[in-house]
Amino acid sequence: MGPNYLTGSWVAWISIVLIVGGLLFTFIVPVAGLAIGLVPVGYFAALIGAAFLFGGWVRWRAAHRPPNR
């Protein structure tokens, strides 16, 4: 089994951290008593992380395409 996207790309790990961090931020905002208007910031961070994860996966697949059969 060769390298895959999660083991061979640092972009994937940064994206996962953005997704998890953004979602955790949405739960931390009300608990910490911060302004409720900050909740969308966490959702947008998670959305940006998901976009980077998908975009990086597409680039990985294009660069590591298996030979035609």
Protein backbone atom coordinates (compact mmCIF):
# COMPACT_ATOMS: atom_id res chain seq x y z
CA MET A 1 0.00 0.00 0.00
CA GLY A 2 1.48 3.29 -1.11
CA PRO A 3 1.23 6.72 0.43
CA ASN A 4 -2.21 8.25 0.62
CA TYR A 5 -3.47 11.80 0.99
CA LEU A 6 -3.70 11.82 4.78
CA THR A 7 -0.25 10.36 5.35
CA GLY A 8 1.54 12.24 2.59
CA SER A 9 0.16 15.75 2.76
CA TRP A 10 0.57 18.42 5.43
CA VAL A 11 -2.31 20.37 3.83
CA ALA A 12 -4.67 17.57 4.88
CA TRP A 13 -3.60 17.80 8.52
CA ILE A 14 -3.89 21.59 8.59
CA SER A 15 -7.35 21.28 7.06
CA ILE A 16 -8.43 18.76 9.69
CA VAL A 17 -7.14 21.05 12.44
CA LEU A 18 -9.13 23.95 10.93
CA ILE A 19 -12.29 21.85 10.78
CA VAL A 20 -12.03 20.55 14.33
CA GLY A 21 -10.85 23.88 15.72
CA GLY A 22 -13.64 25.79 14.02
CA LEU A 23 -16.30 23.43 15.32
CA LEU A 24 -14.84 23.49 18.82
CA PHE A 25 -14.81 27.28 18.70
CA THR A 26 -18.57 27.33 18.09
CA PHE A 27 -19.05 25.39 21.33
CA ILE A 28 -16.52 27.44 23.30
CA VAL A 29 -18.10 30.81 22.45
CA PRO A 30 -21.29 30.39 24.55
CA VAL A 31 -19.49 28.58 27.37
CA ALA A 32 -16.87 31.33 27.66
CA GLY A 33 -19.53 34.04 27.53
CA LEU A 34 -18.20 35.62 24.36
CA ALA A 35 -20.43 37.52 21.94
CA ILE A 36 -22.79 35.15 20.13
CA GLY A 37 -21.86 36.86 16.88
CA LEU A 38 -18.55 34.99 16.98
CA VAL A 39 -20.22 31.61 16.37
CA PRO A 40 -20.21 32.04 12.57
CA VAL A 41 -16.46 32.60 12.70
CA GLY A 42 -16.03 29.00 13.84
CA TYR A 43 -18.36 27.73 11.14
CA PHE A 44 -16.50 29.66 8.45
CA ALA A 45 -13.17 28.33 9.71
CA ALA A 46 -14.54 24.78 9.47
CA LEU A 47 -15.90 25.49 6.00
CA ILE A 48 -12.54 26.85 4.85
CA GLY A 49 -10.84 23.76 6.27
CA ALA A 50 -13.26 21.50 4.39
CA ALA A 51 -12.61 23.39 1.15
CA PHE A 52 -8.85 23.03 1.60
CA LEU A 53 -9.25 19.34 2.41
CA PHE A 54 -11.27 18.72 -0.74
CA GLY A 55 -9.04 20.88 -2.94
CA GLY A 56 -5.92 19.19 -1.63
CA TRP A 57 -7.44 15.77 -2.23
CA VAL A 58 -8.24 16.70 -5.85
CA ARG A 59 -4.67 17.90 -6.38
CA TRP A 60 -3.30 14.74 -4.73
CA ARG A 61 -5.41 12.50 -6.99
CA ALA A 62 -4.26 14.42 -10.07
CA ALA A 63 -0.60 14.11 -9.10
CA HIS A 64 -0.80 10.43 -8.05
CA ARG A 65 -3.05 9.11 -10.76
CA PRO A 66 -2.65 5.38 -11.35
CA PRO A 67 -1.54 4.36 -14.84
CA ASN A 68 -4.24 3.63 -17.41
CA ARG A 69 -5.23 0.01 -17.75
